N, C-alpha and C. Protein backbone atom coordinates (compact mmCIF):
# COMPACT_ATOMS: atom_id res chain seq x y z
N MET A 1 23.74 15.10 -0.47
CA MET A 1 22.55 15.89 -0.70
C MET A 1 21.36 15.19 -0.04
N GLN A 2 20.61 15.92 0.72
CA GLN A 2 19.44 15.37 1.39
C GLN A 2 18.20 15.70 0.57
N ILE A 3 17.36 14.69 0.36
CA ILE A 3 16.11 14.89 -0.38
C ILE A 3 15.00 15.08 0.64
N VAL A 4 14.29 16.18 0.52
CA VAL A 4 13.19 16.48 1.43
C VAL A 4 11.88 16.20 0.69
N PRO A 5 11.00 15.37 1.26
CA PRO A 5 9.74 15.06 0.59
C PRO A 5 8.84 16.28 0.49
N ASP A 6 8.05 16.34 -0.57
CA ASP A 6 7.11 17.45 -0.68
C ASP A 6 6.01 17.30 0.38
N GLY A 7 5.22 18.32 0.55
CA GLY A 7 4.21 18.33 1.60
C GLY A 7 3.18 17.23 1.48
N ALA A 8 2.71 16.97 0.26
CA ALA A 8 1.69 15.93 0.07
C ALA A 8 2.24 14.55 0.44
N HIS A 9 3.48 14.28 0.04
CA HIS A 9 4.10 13.00 0.38
C HIS A 9 4.24 12.86 1.89
N ALA A 10 4.66 13.92 2.54
CA ALA A 10 4.83 13.88 3.99
C ALA A 10 3.49 13.65 4.69
N LEU A 11 2.42 14.29 4.21
CA LEU A 11 1.11 14.11 4.83
C LEU A 11 0.60 12.68 4.63
N ARG A 12 0.82 12.10 3.45
CA ARG A 12 0.39 10.71 3.23
C ARG A 12 1.15 9.77 4.15
N ARG A 13 2.42 10.04 4.32
CA ARG A 13 3.23 9.19 5.20
C ARG A 13 2.76 9.29 6.65
N LEU A 14 2.47 10.52 7.08
CA LEU A 14 1.96 10.70 8.43
C LEU A 14 0.60 10.03 8.61
N ALA A 15 -0.25 10.13 7.59
CA ALA A 15 -1.57 9.49 7.66
C ALA A 15 -1.43 7.98 7.80
N ALA A 16 -0.47 7.42 7.09
CA ALA A 16 -0.26 5.98 7.16
C ALA A 16 0.23 5.56 8.53
N LEU A 17 1.02 6.40 9.17
CA LEU A 17 1.59 6.05 10.47
C LEU A 17 0.69 6.43 11.65
N ALA A 18 -0.25 7.34 11.41
CA ALA A 18 -1.00 7.92 12.51
C ALA A 18 -1.95 6.96 13.22
N ALA A 19 -2.55 6.07 12.48
CA ALA A 19 -3.57 5.23 13.09
C ALA A 19 -3.18 3.76 13.06
N ASP A 20 -3.68 3.06 14.05
CA ASP A 20 -3.52 1.60 14.05
C ASP A 20 -4.66 1.02 13.23
N ARG A 21 -4.33 0.53 12.09
CA ARG A 21 -5.33 -0.06 11.21
C ARG A 21 -5.13 -1.56 11.20
N ALA A 22 -6.18 -2.25 10.98
CA ALA A 22 -6.10 -3.70 10.87
C ALA A 22 -6.19 -4.09 9.39
N ALA A 23 -5.16 -4.69 8.89
CA ALA A 23 -5.18 -5.18 7.51
C ALA A 23 -5.87 -6.54 7.51
N PRO A 24 -6.57 -6.86 6.44
CA PRO A 24 -7.27 -8.14 6.38
C PRO A 24 -6.34 -9.31 6.02
N PHE A 25 -5.05 -9.08 6.11
CA PHE A 25 -4.07 -10.08 5.69
C PHE A 25 -3.45 -10.77 6.90
N ARG A 26 -3.63 -12.08 6.99
CA ARG A 26 -3.14 -12.82 8.16
C ARG A 26 -1.61 -12.85 8.25
N ASP A 27 -0.93 -12.65 7.12
CA ASP A 27 0.54 -12.69 7.14
C ASP A 27 1.18 -11.33 7.46
N MET A 28 0.37 -10.34 7.84
CA MET A 28 0.90 -9.03 8.20
C MET A 28 1.00 -8.81 9.70
N THR A 29 0.47 -9.71 10.49
CA THR A 29 0.49 -9.56 11.95
C THR A 29 1.92 -9.39 12.45
N GLY A 30 2.17 -8.28 13.12
CA GLY A 30 3.49 -8.00 13.67
C GLY A 30 4.53 -7.53 12.67
N HIS A 31 4.17 -7.39 11.43
CA HIS A 31 5.13 -6.96 10.40
C HIS A 31 5.36 -5.45 10.50
N TRP A 32 6.60 -5.02 10.25
CA TRP A 32 6.94 -3.60 10.39
C TRP A 32 6.13 -2.70 9.44
N ALA A 33 5.64 -3.24 8.34
CA ALA A 33 4.95 -2.42 7.33
C ALA A 33 3.43 -2.49 7.42
N ILE A 34 2.90 -3.05 8.51
CA ILE A 34 1.46 -3.25 8.59
C ILE A 34 0.67 -1.96 8.41
N ARG A 35 1.14 -0.85 8.96
CA ARG A 35 0.41 0.40 8.84
C ARG A 35 0.39 0.90 7.40
N TYR A 36 1.51 0.74 6.70
CA TYR A 36 1.57 1.16 5.30
C TYR A 36 0.68 0.29 4.43
N VAL A 37 0.72 -1.01 4.66
CA VAL A 37 -0.09 -1.94 3.87
C VAL A 37 -1.57 -1.72 4.16
N SER A 38 -1.92 -1.51 5.42
CA SER A 38 -3.31 -1.25 5.78
C SER A 38 -3.81 0.03 5.13
N TYR A 39 -2.98 1.05 5.13
CA TYR A 39 -3.33 2.32 4.47
C TYR A 39 -3.54 2.11 2.98
N ALA A 40 -2.64 1.38 2.34
CA ALA A 40 -2.76 1.10 0.91
C ALA A 40 -4.02 0.28 0.61
N TYR A 41 -4.36 -0.64 1.50
CA TYR A 41 -5.57 -1.45 1.33
C TYR A 41 -6.81 -0.57 1.45
N GLU A 42 -6.84 0.29 2.47
CA GLU A 42 -7.97 1.20 2.66
C GLU A 42 -8.19 2.09 1.45
N LYS A 43 -7.11 2.55 0.86
CA LYS A 43 -7.19 3.45 -0.29
C LYS A 43 -7.48 2.71 -1.59
N GLY A 44 -7.44 1.38 -1.56
CA GLY A 44 -7.70 0.59 -2.77
C GLY A 44 -6.50 0.39 -3.66
N TYR A 45 -5.30 0.68 -3.14
CA TYR A 45 -4.09 0.51 -3.93
C TYR A 45 -3.67 -0.95 -4.04
N THR A 46 -4.07 -1.76 -3.07
CA THR A 46 -3.71 -3.17 -3.08
C THR A 46 -4.88 -4.01 -2.60
N SER A 47 -4.92 -5.23 -3.09
CA SER A 47 -5.92 -6.18 -2.60
C SER A 47 -5.24 -7.45 -2.12
N GLY A 48 -3.92 -7.43 -2.08
CA GLY A 48 -3.16 -8.57 -1.58
C GLY A 48 -2.83 -9.57 -2.67
N THR A 49 -2.17 -10.63 -2.26
CA THR A 49 -1.78 -11.68 -3.20
C THR A 49 -2.71 -12.87 -3.14
N GLY A 50 -3.63 -12.85 -2.19
CA GLY A 50 -4.63 -13.89 -2.03
C GLY A 50 -5.80 -13.34 -1.25
N ALA A 51 -6.76 -14.19 -0.94
CA ALA A 51 -7.95 -13.74 -0.23
C ALA A 51 -7.61 -13.12 1.13
N ASP A 52 -6.62 -13.66 1.82
CA ASP A 52 -6.25 -13.12 3.13
C ASP A 52 -4.74 -13.04 3.32
N THR A 53 -4.01 -12.93 2.22
CA THR A 53 -2.54 -12.81 2.30
C THR A 53 -2.05 -11.61 1.48
N PHE A 54 -0.94 -11.07 1.94
CA PHE A 54 -0.28 -9.97 1.24
C PHE A 54 1.10 -10.38 0.75
N SER A 55 1.73 -11.34 1.39
CA SER A 55 3.08 -11.81 1.07
C SER A 55 4.10 -10.67 1.19
N PRO A 56 4.22 -10.08 2.39
CA PRO A 56 5.04 -8.89 2.56
C PRO A 56 6.54 -9.10 2.33
N ASP A 57 7.02 -10.31 2.44
CA ASP A 57 8.45 -10.53 2.27
C ASP A 57 8.82 -11.00 0.87
N ASP A 58 7.83 -11.13 -0.01
CA ASP A 58 8.11 -11.47 -1.40
C ASP A 58 8.45 -10.21 -2.17
N LYS A 59 9.20 -10.36 -3.24
CA LYS A 59 9.50 -9.22 -4.09
C LYS A 59 8.29 -8.88 -4.94
N ALA A 60 8.04 -7.60 -5.12
CA ALA A 60 6.95 -7.15 -5.97
C ALA A 60 7.42 -7.21 -7.43
N SER A 61 6.59 -7.75 -8.28
CA SER A 61 6.91 -7.81 -9.71
C SER A 61 6.70 -6.42 -10.32
N ALA A 62 7.17 -6.24 -11.51
CA ALA A 62 6.96 -4.98 -12.22
C ALA A 62 5.46 -4.73 -12.41
N LYS A 63 4.71 -5.78 -12.69
CA LYS A 63 3.26 -5.66 -12.87
C LYS A 63 2.59 -5.20 -11.57
N MET A 64 3.00 -5.76 -10.45
CA MET A 64 2.44 -5.36 -9.16
C MET A 64 2.76 -3.90 -8.85
N TYR A 65 4.01 -3.53 -9.07
CA TYR A 65 4.44 -2.16 -8.80
C TYR A 65 3.64 -1.17 -9.66
N LEU A 66 3.50 -1.49 -10.93
CA LEU A 66 2.77 -0.61 -11.83
C LEU A 66 1.29 -0.51 -11.43
N THR A 67 0.72 -1.62 -10.97
CA THR A 67 -0.67 -1.60 -10.51
C THR A 67 -0.81 -0.68 -9.31
N PHE A 68 0.10 -0.78 -8.32
CA PHE A 68 0.07 0.13 -7.16
C PHE A 68 0.12 1.58 -7.63
N LEU A 69 1.06 1.86 -8.50
CA LEU A 69 1.28 3.22 -8.96
C LEU A 69 0.06 3.77 -9.69
N LEU A 70 -0.49 3.01 -10.62
CA LEU A 70 -1.64 3.49 -11.38
C LEU A 70 -2.88 3.65 -10.51
N ARG A 71 -3.08 2.75 -9.57
CA ARG A 71 -4.21 2.90 -8.65
C ARG A 71 -4.04 4.15 -7.79
N ALA A 72 -2.83 4.42 -7.33
CA ALA A 72 -2.57 5.62 -6.54
C ALA A 72 -2.80 6.90 -7.35
N LEU A 73 -2.62 6.80 -8.65
CA LEU A 73 -2.86 7.95 -9.53
C LEU A 73 -4.32 8.09 -9.92
N GLY A 74 -5.16 7.15 -9.49
CA GLY A 74 -6.58 7.27 -9.73
C GLY A 74 -7.15 6.35 -10.80
N TYR A 75 -6.31 5.56 -11.44
CA TYR A 75 -6.82 4.62 -12.44
C TYR A 75 -7.50 3.46 -11.74
N ASN A 76 -8.50 2.88 -12.42
CA ASN A 76 -9.25 1.78 -11.84
C ASN A 76 -9.17 0.59 -12.79
N ASP A 77 -8.36 -0.39 -12.45
CA ASP A 77 -8.19 -1.55 -13.32
C ASP A 77 -9.45 -2.40 -13.40
N LYS A 78 -10.28 -2.34 -12.38
CA LYS A 78 -11.53 -3.11 -12.41
C LYS A 78 -12.54 -2.48 -13.39
N ALA A 79 -12.38 -1.18 -13.67
CA ALA A 79 -13.26 -0.49 -14.60
C ALA A 79 -12.68 -0.48 -16.02
N GLY A 80 -11.53 -1.12 -16.20
CA GLY A 80 -10.94 -1.20 -17.53
C GLY A 80 -9.98 -0.07 -17.88
N ASP A 81 -9.62 0.76 -16.89
CA ASP A 81 -8.66 1.85 -17.14
C ASP A 81 -7.29 1.29 -17.47
């Protein structure tokens, strides 16, 4: 069975791939996911694991994953949501 993404998911994916964005993370240079990470940074979904690092090859913890998800849904952890 093939799963086809809904339209909104497909548009977000295309938006992430469409432009060459520069992520502020020095450890993302040349990484295959730089466009996705840059898109997530622009949208405020991630702020990295340090001032200028993202740690793209580390496993994301459950807390990190949940933070990404809640920020994408519009919650603001800095505002106490």
